[in-house]
């Protein structure tokens, strides 16, 4: 019986926490601080994005040069004109 009362009490506490109003930081600079924090994060992500983009281009160039060394592209224009 006591165990059921403890469990019921825990459920009541959980329901009270769920429906309780949220507590917000009433600081005048709270939103400004969050905006600055997000702008810094965006700048950092843009920098990482540029670095990753540059690395992908570098890898692409390297792969193309390796493929060309293994199997060079031969353009046989005269053969393609015979069919027309």
Protein backbone atom coordinates (compact mmCIF):
# COMPACT_ATOMS: atom_id res chain seq x y z
CA UNK A 1 0.00 0.00 0.00
CA UNK A 2 2.83 2.41 0.88
CA UNK A 3 4.60 1.56 -2.36
CA UNK A 4 1.48 2.51 -4.35
CA UNK A 5 1.25 5.83 -2.55
CA UNK A 6 4.92 6.60 -3.31
CA UNK A 7 4.44 5.73 -7.00
CA UNK A 8 1.25 7.80 -7.13
CA UNK A 9 3.07 10.70 -5.51
CA UNK A 10 5.83 10.44 -8.11
CA UNK A 11 3.26 10.48 -10.90
CA UNK A 12 1.59 13.56 -9.40
CA UNK A 13 4.98 15.31 -9.16
CA UNK A 14 5.74 14.45 -12.77
CA UNK A 15 2.39 15.83 -13.92
CA UNK A 16 2.94 19.03 -11.92
CA UNK A 17 6.38 19.50 -13.52
CA UNK A 18 4.95 18.84 -16.97
CA UNK A 19 2.22 21.46 -16.64
CA UNK A 20 4.26 24.00 -14.68
CA UNK A 21 5.06 27.23 -16.54
CA UNK A 22 8.51 27.41 -18.02
CA UNK A 23 11.01 29.67 -16.37
CA UNK A 24 12.61 32.12 -18.77
CA UNK A 25 15.74 34.14 -18.24
CA UNK A 26 14.51 37.69 -17.83
CA UNK A 27 17.88 39.24 -18.60
CA UNK A 28 17.64 42.23 -20.93
CA UNK A 29 20.62 40.93 -22.91
CA UNK A 30 19.58 37.27 -23.04
CA UNK A 31 18.36 37.40 -26.66
CA UNK A 32 21.29 39.55 -27.75
CA UNK A 33 23.70 37.05 -26.19
CA UNK A 34 21.95 34.16 -27.94
CA UNK A 35 22.04 35.99 -31.28
CA UNK A 36 25.76 36.67 -30.92
CA UNK A 37 26.34 33.04 -29.94
CA UNK A 38 24.44 31.82 -33.01
CA UNK A 39 26.25 34.25 -35.32
CA UNK A 40 29.59 32.96 -34.06
CA UNK A 41 28.45 29.38 -34.61
CA UNK A 42 27.28 30.21 -38.14
CA UNK A 43 30.63 31.87 -38.92
CA UNK A 44 32.47 28.79 -37.62
CA UNK A 45 30.29 26.43 -39.68
CA UNK A 46 30.74 28.53 -42.81
CA UNK A 47 34.51 28.41 -42.32
CA UNK A 48 34.39 24.62 -41.92
CA UNK A 49 32.17 24.39 -45.01
CA UNK A 50 34.68 26.39 -47.10
CA UNK A 51 37.54 24.21 -45.85
CA UNK A 52 35.64 21.03 -46.67
CA UNK A 53 34.71 22.39 -50.10
CA UNK A 54 38.36 23.19 -50.82
CA UNK A 55 39.42 19.72 -49.70
CA UNK A 56 36.82 18.07 -51.94
CA UNK A 57 38.02 20.10 -54.92
CA UNK A 58 41.61 19.16 -54.14
CA UNK A 59 40.69 15.47 -53.94
CA UNK A 60 38.72 15.72 -57.18
CA UNK A 61 41.68 17.29 -58.99
CA UNK A 62 44.04 14.67 -57.60
CA UNK A 63 41.75 11.82 -58.64
CA UNK A 64 41.32 13.22 -62.14
CA UNK A 65 45.08 13.48 -62.60
CA UNK A 66 45.59 9.93 -61.33
CA UNK A 67 42.88 8.60 -63.64
CA UNK A 68 44.40 10.47 -66.59
CA UNK A 69 47.80 8.92 -65.84
CA UNK A 70 46.30 5.43 -65.71
CA UNK A 71 43.96 5.81 -68.68
CA UNK A 72 44.58 8.95 -70.69
CA UNK A 73 41.67 10.33 -72.64
CA UNK A 74 42.15 10.00 -76.39
CA UNK A 75 39.87 12.10 -78.53
CA UNK A 76 39.42 10.51 -81.92
CA UNK A 77 37.48 13.20 -83.74
CA UNK A 78 38.00 11.73 -87.20
CA UNK A 79 36.32 8.46 -86.19
CA UNK A 80 33.24 10.20 -84.83
CA UNK A 81 32.83 12.23 -88.06
CA UNK A 82 32.77 9.11 -90.28
CA UNK A 83 29.42 8.08 -88.86
CA UNK A 84 27.68 11.27 -89.97
